[in-house]
Amino acid sequence: MKSLLVSLGLVVAMIASAAQKSDTFKTPSGKDVTITHIKHATMQIDFDGKVIYVDPVAKLKPETSFLAYPKADYLLLTHEHLDHFDVLAVGQLSQTETAIYANNFCYRQLQKGVCMHNGDSVRMGPNIMLWAVPAYNTTPGREQFHPKGRDNGYVLSLDGLRIYIAGDTEDIPEMEQLKDIDIAFLPCNQPYTMTVDQLVRAAKIIKPKVLFPYHYSDTPINQVLMKLVGSGIDVRIRDYK
């Protein structure tokens, strides 16, 4: 009975938290970082007067017009799938000064920005660093969805606050190399990304302080919350269907 009540309590908390549209964190020096949860794999990150978008997509349902959103100072694009890369959204958010960081395919499609390969790093601005890290499938029969070496995940450091945005990946060996991650975004949408159990394993490897499961579509994402009870990881469910 006790375990049932705990499970019900977690589900109620999950439903309430999914409606929350943004979360604010402090960097080591006390600056605010606000993450606005838009949908699926799309997020807006505000830091020190700069606006960063990750994988903005307008056409994916529910359709989103970004015309009323703040223009981007930086755009991060992980890979070319239509639920991550949308030329319309990039155009709506771009201004003359917008800096774009993308994998090779997106870079070639846009014909602008900075092309980043796994292992590359760049200083985006004062107190802003970016590392491109691997993101790929490993399960036999799934490798064609996200082949090794093509796509990017990103580690974004904002004044020392380290955010891991995994992109579309499974629980790959390279995750062992990720250290001191404050906030992690991990995908859960089989067969294209991770199963619930893979995500849980990945979270226990990375050990972020805060975990946002994202890109989860119709996955019963409450299972992630329940399986990580007692792990010391602050699991926050937001609307990333």
C-alpha atoms as a PDB file:
ATOM      1  CA  MET A   1       0.000   0.000   0.000  1.00  0.00           C
ATOM      2  CA  LYS A   2       2.791   2.403   0.890  1.00  0.00           C
ATOM      3  CA  SER A   3       4.519   1.877  -2.470  1.00  0.00           C
ATOM      4  CA  LEU A   4       1.211   2.440  -4.268  1.00  0.00           C
ATOM      5  CA  LEU A   5       0.668   5.718  -2.440  1.00  0.00           C
ATOM      6  CA  VAL A   6       4.213   6.810  -3.273  1.00  0.00           C
ATOM      7  CA  SER A   7       3.623   5.973  -6.942  1.00  0.00           C
ATOM      8  CA  LEU A   8       0.331   7.861  -7.006  1.00  0.00           C
ATOM      9  CA  GLY A   9       1.987  10.836  -5.344  1.00  0.00           C
ATOM     10  CA  LEU A  10       4.735  10.856  -7.941  1.00  0.00           C
ATOM     11  CA  VAL A  11       2.230  10.751 -10.793  1.00  0.00           C
ATOM     12  CA  VAL A  12       0.254  13.647  -9.316  1.00  0.00           C
ATOM     13  CA  ALA A  13       3.473  15.635  -8.891  1.00  0.00           C
ATOM     14  CA  MET A  14       4.477  14.805 -12.460  1.00  0.00           C
ATOM     15  CA  ILE A  15       1.183  16.063 -13.887  1.00  0.00           C
ATOM     16  CA  ALA A  16       1.512  19.309 -11.943  1.00  0.00           C
ATOM     17  CA  SER A  17       5.139  19.876 -12.909  1.00  0.00           C
ATOM     18  CA  ALA A  18       4.535  19.170 -16.605  1.00  0.00           C
ATOM     19  CA  ALA A  19       2.537  22.378 -16.751  1.00  0.00           C
ATOM     20  CA  GLN A  20       5.513  24.434 -15.559  1.00  0.00           C
ATOM     21  CA  LYS A  21       6.897  26.391 -18.491  1.00  0.00           C
ATOM     22  CA  SER A  22      10.296  27.481 -17.188  1.00  0.00           C
ATOM     23  CA  ASP A  23      12.956  26.807 -14.556  1.00  0.00           C
ATOM     24  CA  THR A  24      15.581  29.228 -13.269  1.00  0.00           C
ATOM     25  CA  PHE A  25      18.998  28.210 -11.960  1.00  0.00           C
ATOM     26  CA  LYS A  26      21.959  30.080 -10.491  1.00  0.00           C
ATOM     27  CA  THR A  27      25.473  29.936 -11.910  1.00  0.00           C
ATOM     28  CA  PRO A  28      28.387  29.601  -9.458  1.00  0.00           C
ATOM     29  CA  SER A  29      28.759  33.394  -9.425  1.00  0.00           C
ATOM     30  CA  GLY A  30      25.046  33.952  -8.867  1.00  0.00           C
ATOM     31  CA  LYS A  31      23.826  34.809 -12.367  1.00  0.00           C
ATOM     32  CA  ASP A  32      20.402  33.576 -13.484  1.00  0.00           C
ATOM     33  CA  VAL A  33      19.914  30.969 -16.187  1.00  0.00           C
ATOM     34  CA  THR A  34      16.290  30.502 -17.215  1.00  0.00           C
ATOM     35  CA  ILE A  35      15.247  27.545 -19.340  1.00  0.00           C
ATOM     36  CA  THR A  36      11.893  27.845 -21.091  1.00  0.00           C
ATOM     37  CA  HIS A  37      10.416  24.520 -22.144  1.00  0.00           C
ATOM     38  CA  ILE A  38       8.809  24.872 -25.570  1.00  0.00           C
ATOM     39  CA  LYS A  39       8.153  21.341 -26.880  1.00  0.00           C
ATOM     40  CA  HIS A  40       9.696  17.977 -27.785  1.00  0.00           C
ATOM     41  CA  ALA A  41      13.376  18.905 -28.247  1.00  0.00           C
ATOM     42  CA  THR A  42      12.988  22.675 -28.414  1.00  0.00           C
ATOM     43  CA  MET A  43      14.024  24.945 -25.563  1.00  0.00           C
ATOM     44  CA  GLN A  44      14.988  28.561 -24.945  1.00  0.00           C
ATOM     45  CA  ILE A  45      17.836  29.416 -22.574  1.00  0.00           C
ATOM     46  CA  ASP A  46      18.277  32.971 -21.264  1.00  0.00           C
ATOM     47  CA  PHE A  47      21.576  33.988 -19.681  1.00  0.00           C
ATOM     48  CA  ASP A  48      23.179  37.348 -19.026  1.00  0.00           C
ATOM     49  CA  GLY A  49      21.064  39.180 -21.606  1.00  0.00           C
ATOM     50  CA  LYS A  50      21.631  36.517 -24.284  1.00  0.00           C
ATOM     51  CA  VAL A  51      18.993  34.203 -25.773  1.00  0.00           C
ATOM     52  CA  ILE A  52      19.917  30.678 -26.863  1.00  0.00           C
ATOM     53  CA  TYR A  53      17.582  28.271 -28.659  1.00  0.00           C
ATOM     54  CA  VAL A  54      18.169  24.556 -29.073  1.00  0.00           C
ATOM     55  CA  ASP A  55      16.609  22.730 -32.050  1.00  0.00           C
ATOM     56  CA  PRO A  56      13.759  25.192 -32.683  1.00  0.00           C
ATOM     57  CA  VAL A  57      10.993  23.617 -34.772  1.00  0.00           C
ATOM     58  CA  ALA A  58       7.876  25.425 -35.969  1.00  0.00           C
ATOM     59  CA  LYS A  59       6.128  22.744 -38.013  1.00  0.00           C
ATOM     60  CA  LEU A  60       6.065  19.916 -35.471  1.00  0.00           C
ATOM     61  CA  LYS A  61       2.626  19.692 -33.847  1.00  0.00           C
ATOM     62  CA  PRO A  62       1.546  21.646 -31.952  1.00  0.00           C
ATOM     63  CA  GLU A  63       2.775  24.105 -34.576  1.00  0.00           C
ATOM     64  CA  THR A  64       4.689  27.059 -33.166  1.00  0.00           C
ATOM     65  CA  SER A  65       5.243  30.496 -34.641  1.00  0.00           C
ATOM     66  CA  PHE A  66       8.465  31.973 -33.322  1.00  0.00           C
ATOM     67  CA  LEU A  67       7.716  35.438 -34.678  1.00  0.00           C
ATOM     68  CA  ALA A  68       6.655  36.655 -31.230  1.00  0.00           C
ATOM     69  CA  TYR A  69       9.629  35.051 -29.461  1.00  0.00           C
ATOM     70  CA  PRO A  70      12.791  37.023 -28.641  1.00  0.00           C
ATOM     71  CA  LYS A  71      15.313  36.864 -31.456  1.00  0.00           C
ATOM     72  CA  ALA A  72      18.184  34.450 -30.982  1.00  0.00           C
ATOM     73  CA  ASP A  73      21.700  35.458 -30.107  1.00  0.00           C
ATOM     74  CA  TYR A  74      22.689  31.808 -30.543  1.00  0.00           C
ATOM     75  CA  LEU A  75      21.097  28.770 -32.191  1.00  0.00           C
ATOM     76  CA  LEU A  76      22.257  25.216 -31.420  1.00  0.00           C
ATOM     77  CA  LEU A  77      21.243  22.523 -33.920  1.00  0.00           C
ATOM     78  CA  THR A  78      21.951  18.880 -33.105  1.00  0.00           C
ATOM     79  CA  HIS A  79      20.994  17.176 -36.385  1.00  0.00           C
ATOM     80  CA  GLU A  80      18.829  17.236 -39.474  1.00  0.00           C
ATOM     81  CA  HIS A  81      15.685  15.313 -38.539  1.00  0.00           C
ATOM     82  CA  LEU A  82      12.493  17.317 -38.991  1.00  0.00           C
ATOM     83  CA  ASP A  83      11.718  17.327 -35.262  1.00  0.00           C
ATOM     84  CA  HIS A  84      15.065  19.078 -34.632  1.00  0.00           C
ATOM     85  CA  PHE A  85      15.903  21.101 -37.731  1.00  0.00           C
ATOM     86  CA  ASP A  86      13.420  23.534 -39.268  1.00  0.00           C
ATOM     87  CA  VAL A  87      14.568  26.228 -41.697  1.00  0.00           C
ATOM     88  CA  LEU A  88      11.349  28.187 -41.052  1.00  0.00           C
ATOM     89  CA  ALA A  89      11.997  28.372 -37.316  1.00  0.00           C
ATOM     90  CA  VAL A  90      15.647  29.275 -37.865  1.00  0.00           C
ATOM     91  CA  GLY A  91      14.543  32.116 -40.125  1.00  0.00           C
ATOM     92  CA  GLN A  92      11.917  33.397 -37.700  1.00  0.00           C
ATOM     93  CA  LEU A  93      14.408  33.529 -34.829  1.00  0.00           C
ATOM     94  CA  SER A  94      17.430  34.838 -36.694  1.00  0.00           C
ATOM     95  CA  GLN A  95      18.756  38.370 -36.803  1.00  0.00           C
ATOM     96  CA  THR A  96      21.919  39.758 -38.346  1.00  0.00           C
ATOM     97  CA  GLU A  97      23.999  38.957 -35.254  1.00  0.00           C
ATOM     98  CA  THR A  98      22.631  35.448 -34.626  1.00  0.00           C
ATOM     99  CA  ALA A  99      25.401  32.850 -34.347  1.00  0.00           C
ATOM    100  CA  ILE A 100      24.482  29.320 -35.409  1.00  0.00           C
ATOM    101  CA  TYR A 101      26.290  26.165 -34.258  1.00  0.00           C
ATOM    102  CA  ALA A 102      25.287  22.999 -36.076  1.00  0.00           C
ATOM    103  CA  ASN A 103      26.289  19.547 -37.212  1.00  0.00           C
ATOM    104  CA  ASN A 104      27.647  19.193 -40.736  1.00  0.00           C
ATOM    105  CA  PHE A 105      24.341  18.491 -42.505  1.00  0.00           C
ATOM    106  CA  CYS A 106      22.491  21.447 -40.966  1.00  0.00           C
ATOM    107  CA  TYR A 107      25.475  23.685 -41.642  1.00  0.00           C
ATOM    108  CA  ARG A 108      25.520  22.679 -45.306  1.00  0.00           C
ATOM    109  CA  GLN A 109      21.770  23.193 -45.626  1.00  0.00           C
ATOM    110  CA  LEU A 110      21.909  26.679 -44.121  1.00  0.00           C
ATOM    111  CA  GLN A 111      25.209  27.671 -45.738  1.00  0.00           C
ATOM    112  CA  LYS A 112      26.085  29.712 -42.659  1.00  0.00           C
ATOM    113  CA  GLY A 113      27.104  29.359 -39.056  1.00  0.00           C
ATOM    114  CA  VAL A 114      29.792  27.237 -37.427  1.00  0.00           C
ATOM    115  CA  CYS A 115      30.071  23.563 -38.337  1.00  0.00           C
ATOM    116  CA  MET A 116      30.806  21.431 -35.273  1.00  0.00           C
ATOM    117  CA  HIS A 117      31.921  17.813 -35.220  1.00  0.00           C
ATOM    118  CA  ASN A 118      32.045  15.503 -32.212  1.00  0.00           C
ATOM    119  CA  GLY A 119      34.919  16.659 -30.016  1.00  0.00           C
ATOM    120  CA  ASP A 120      34.912  20.270 -31.211  1.00  0.00           C
ATOM    121  CA  SER A 121      34.639  23.158 -28.767  1.00  0.00           C
ATOM    122  CA  VAL A 122      34.107  26.885 -29.154  1.00  0.00           C
ATOM    123  CA  ARG A 123      33.843  29.963 -26.978  1.00  0.00           C
ATOM    124  CA  MET A 124      30.481  31.407 -27.957  1.00  0.00           C
ATOM    125  CA  GLY A 125      30.825  34.557 -25.892  1.00  0.00           C
ATOM    126  CA  PRO A 126      31.902  35.896 -22.502  1.00  0.00           C
ATOM    127  CA  ASN A 127      31.442  33.078 -19.976  1.00  0.00           C
ATOM    128  CA  ILE A 128      29.795  30.854 -22.599  1.00  0.00           C
ATOM    129  CA  MET A 129      31.518  27.663 -23.810  1.00  0.00           C
ATOM    130  CA  LEU A 130      30.163  24.909 -26.053  1.00  0.00           C
ATOM    131  CA  TRP A 131      31.380  21.360 -26.646  1.00  0.00           C
ATOM    132  CA  ALA A 132      29.961  19.041 -29.317  1.00  0.00           C
ATOM    133  CA  VAL A 133      29.714  15.466 -28.032  1.00  0.00           C
ATOM    134  CA  PRO A 134      28.652  12.190 -29.680  1.00  0.00           C
ATOM    135  CA  ALA A 135      24.989  11.235 -30.116  1.00  0.00           C
ATOM    136  CA  TYR A 136      24.112   7.982 -31.861  1.00  0.00           C
ATOM    137  CA  ASN A 137      22.215   4.681 -31.785  1.00  0.00           C
ATOM    138  CA  THR A 138      23.850   1.448 -30.678  1.00  0.00           C
ATOM    139  CA  THR A 139      21.008  -1.107 -30.630  1.00  0.00           C
ATOM    140  CA  PRO A 140      21.206  -3.492 -33.618  1.00  0.00           C
ATOM    141  CA  GLY A 141      18.682  -2.418 -36.225  1.00  0.00           C
ATOM    142  CA  ARG A 142      18.548   1.174 -34.982  1.00  0.00           C
ATOM    143  CA  GLU A 143      21.944   2.409 -36.121  1.00  0.00           C
ATOM    144  CA  GLN A 144      20.466   3.903 -39.284  1.00  0.00           C
ATOM    145  CA  PHE A 145      18.382   6.396 -37.284  1.00  0.00           C
ATOM    146  CA  HIS A 146      21.394   8.201 -35.827  1.00  0.00           C
ATOM    147  CA  PRO A 147      24.692   6.817 -37.132  1.00  0.00           C
ATOM    148  CA  LYS A 148      27.835   7.353 -35.099  1.00  0.00           C
ATOM    149  CA  GLY A 149      29.740  10.535 -35.961  1.00  0.00           C
ATOM    150  CA  ARG A 150      26.940  12.366 -37.780  1.00  0.00           C
ATOM    151  CA  ASP A 151      24.957  14.100 -35.014  1.00  0.00           C
ATOM    152  CA  ASN A 152      25.824  16.236 -32.039  1.00  0.00           C
ATOM    153  CA  GLY A 153      24.877  16.418 -28.437  1.00  0.00           C
ATOM    154  CA  TYR A 154      26.106  19.545 -26.661  1.00  0.00           C
ATOM    155  CA  VAL A 155      27.583  20.503 -23.315  1.00  0.00           C
ATOM    156  CA  LEU A 156      26.900  24.182 -22.727  1.00  0.00           C
ATOM    157  CA  SER A 157      28.707  26.016 -19.940  1.00  0.00           C
ATOM    158  CA  LEU A 158      27.154  29.280 -18.799  1.00  0.00           C
ATOM    159  CA  ASP A 159      29.391  30.996 -16.262  1.00  0.00           C
ATOM    160  CA  GLY A 160      30.320  27.542 -14.977  1.00  0.00           C
ATOM    161  CA  LEU A 161      26.789  26.058 -14.953  1.00  0.00           C
ATOM    162  CA  ARG A 162      27.111  22.934 -17.130  1.00  0.00           C
ATOM    163  CA  ILE A 163      24.119  21.822 -19.197  1.00  0.00           C
ATOM    164  CA  TYR A 164      24.169  18.582 -21.195  1.00  0.00           C
ATOM    165  CA  ILE A 165      21.728  18.475 -24.107  1.00  0.00           C
ATOM    166  CA  ALA A 166      22.003  14.925 -25.371  1.00  0.00           C
ATOM    167  CA  GLY A 167      20.266  15.187 -28.739  1.00  0.00           C
ATOM    168  CA  ASP A 168      19.072  11.890 -30.196  1.00  0.00           C
ATOM    169  CA  THR A 169      21.166   9.165 -28.654  1.00  0.00           C
ATOM    170  CA  GLU A 170      21.181   5.951 -26.676  1.00  0.00           C
ATOM    171  CA  ASP A 171      23.207   5.371 -23.508  1.00  0.00           C
ATOM    172  CA  ILE A 172      26.558   5.416 -25.271  1.00  0.00           C
ATOM    173  CA  PRO A 173      29.985   4.702 -23.693  1.00  0.00           C
ATOM    174  CA  GLU A 174      31.092   8.318 -24.192  1.00  0.00           C
ATOM    175  CA  MET A 175      28.677   9.379 -21.458  1.00  0.00           C
ATOM    176  CA  GLU A 176      31.227   8.059 -18.966  1.00  0.00           C
ATOM    177  CA  GLN A 177      33.406  11.045 -19.911  1.00  0.00           C
ATOM    178  CA  LEU A 178      30.798  13.649 -18.998  1.00  0.00           C
ATOM    179  CA  LYS A 179      31.737  15.211 -15.682  1.00  0.00           C
ATOM    180  CA  ASP A 180      30.231  17.803 -13.364  1.00  0.00           C
ATOM    181  CA  ILE A 181      26.925  18.077 -15.227  1.00  0.00           C
ATOM    182  CA  ASP A 182      24.480  20.329 -13.400  1.00  0.00           C
ATOM    183  CA  ILE A 183      21.503  19.904 -15.741  1.00  0.00           C
ATOM    184  CA  ALA A 184      20.901  17.118 -18.259  1.00  0.00           C
ATOM    185  CA  PHE A 185      18.340  16.753 -21.017  1.00  0.00           C
ATOM    186  CA  LEU A 186      18.046  13.078 -21.953  1.00  0.00           C
ATOM    187  CA  PRO A 187      15.742  11.740 -24.712  1.00  0.00           C
ATOM    188  CA  CYS A 188      13.322   8.859 -24.245  1.00  0.00           C
ATOM    189  CA  ASN A 189      11.519   7.813 -27.410  1.00  0.00           C
ATOM    190  CA  GLN A 190      12.185   4.266 -28.559  1.00  0.00           C
ATOM    191  CA  PRO A 191      13.134   3.054 -31.111  1.00  0.00           C
ATOM    192  CA  TYR A 192      14.782   6.346 -32.111  1.00  0.00           C
ATOM    193  CA  THR A 193      16.485   7.257 -28.835  1.00  0.00           C
ATOM    194  CA  MET A 194      16.512   5.614 -25.393  1.00  0.00           C
ATOM    195  CA  THR A 195      14.128   3.288 -23.659  1.00  0.00           C
ATOM    196  CA  VAL A 196      13.133   4.177 -20.101  1.00  0.00           C
ATOM    197  CA  ASP A 197      15.724   1.755 -18.724  1.00  0.00           C
ATOM    198  CA  GLN A 198      18.443   3.160 -20.969  1.00  0.00           C
ATOM    199  CA  LEU A 199      17.634   6.690 -19.821  1.00  0.00           C
ATOM    200  CA  VAL A 200      17.776   5.602 -16.195  1.00  0.00           C
ATOM    201  CA  ARG A 201      21.175   3.963 -16.790  1.00  0.00           C
ATOM    202  CA  ALA A 202      22.423   7.086 -18.550  1.00  0.00           C
ATOM    203  CA  ALA A 203      21.275   9.296 -15.697  1.00  0.00           C
ATOM    204  CA  LYS A 204      23.082   7.127 -13.160  1.00  0.00           C
ATOM    205  CA  ILE A 205      26.269   7.330 -15.250  1.00  0.00           C
ATOM    206  CA  ILE A 206      26.148  11.096 -15.760  1.00  0.00           C
ATOM    207  CA  LYS A 207      24.787  11.922 -12.294  1.00  0.00           C
ATOM    208  CA  PRO A 208      23.343  15.353 -13.110  1.00  0.00           C
ATOM    209  CA  LYS A 209      21.984  17.420 -10.281  1.00  0.00           C
ATOM    210  CA  VAL A 210      18.802  18.038 -12.295  1.00  0.00           C
ATOM    211  CA  LEU A 211      17.394  15.809 -15.040  1.00  0.00           C
ATOM    212  CA  PHE A 212      14.821  16.818 -17.633  1.00  0.00           C
ATOM    213  CA  PRO A 213      13.627  13.845 -19.709  1.00  0.00           C
ATOM    214  CA  TYR A 214      12.753  15.242 -23.123  1.00  0.00           C
ATOM    215  CA  HIS A 215      11.813  14.146 -26.656  1.00  0.00           C
ATOM    216  CA  TYR A 216       9.552  11.557 -25.052  1.00  0.00           C
ATOM    217  CA  SER A 217       6.407  11.604 -27.243  1.00  0.00           C
ATOM    218  CA  ASP A 218       4.025   8.958 -25.860  1.00  0.00           C
ATOM    219  CA  THR A 219       6.547   7.245 -23.584  1.00  0.00           C
ATOM    220  CA  PRO A 220       5.124   6.718 -20.051  1.00  0.00           C
ATOM    221  CA  ILE A 221       7.676   9.162 -18.704  1.00  0.00           C
ATOM    222  CA  ASN A 222       6.488   8.809 -15.100  1.00  0.00           C
ATOM    223  CA  GLN A 223       8.429   5.527 -15.094  1.00  0.00           C
ATOM    224  CA  VAL A 224      11.684   7.493 -15.262  1.00  0.00           C
ATOM    225  CA  LEU A 225      10.653   9.477 -12.217  1.00  0.00           C
ATOM    226  CA  MET A 226       9.763   6.347 -10.246  1.00  0.00           C
ATOM    227  CA  LYS A 227      12.896   4.408 -11.233  1.00  0.00           C
ATOM    228  CA  LEU A 228      15.160   7.248 -10.112  1.00  0.00           C
ATOM    229  CA  VAL A 229      13.606   7.669  -6.669  1.00  0.00           C
ATOM    230  CA  GLY A 230      16.431   7.663  -4.135  1.00  0.00           C
ATOM    231  CA  SER A 231      19.131   8.315  -6.755  1.00  0.00           C
ATOM    232  CA  GLY A 232      19.805  11.848  -5.545  1.00  0.00           C
ATOM    233  CA  ILE A 233      18.883  13.196  -8.999  1.00  0.00           C
ATOM    234  CA  ASP A 234      16.221  15.911  -9.115  1.00  0.00           C
ATOM    235  CA  VAL A 235      13.983  14.615 -11.946  1.00  0.00           C
ATOM    236  CA  ARG A 236      11.735  17.293 -13.390  1.00  0.00           C
ATOM    237  CA  ILE A 237       9.037  16.392 -15.888  1.00  0.00           C
ATOM    238  CA  ARG A 238       8.114  19.163 -18.292  1.00  0.00           C
ATOM    239  CA  ASP A 239       6.040  19.145 -21.471  1.00  0.00           C
ATOM    240  CA  TYR A 240       8.533  17.759 -23.979  1.00  0.00           C
ATOM    241  CA  LYS A 241       6.186  15.441 -25.848  1.00  0.00           C
END
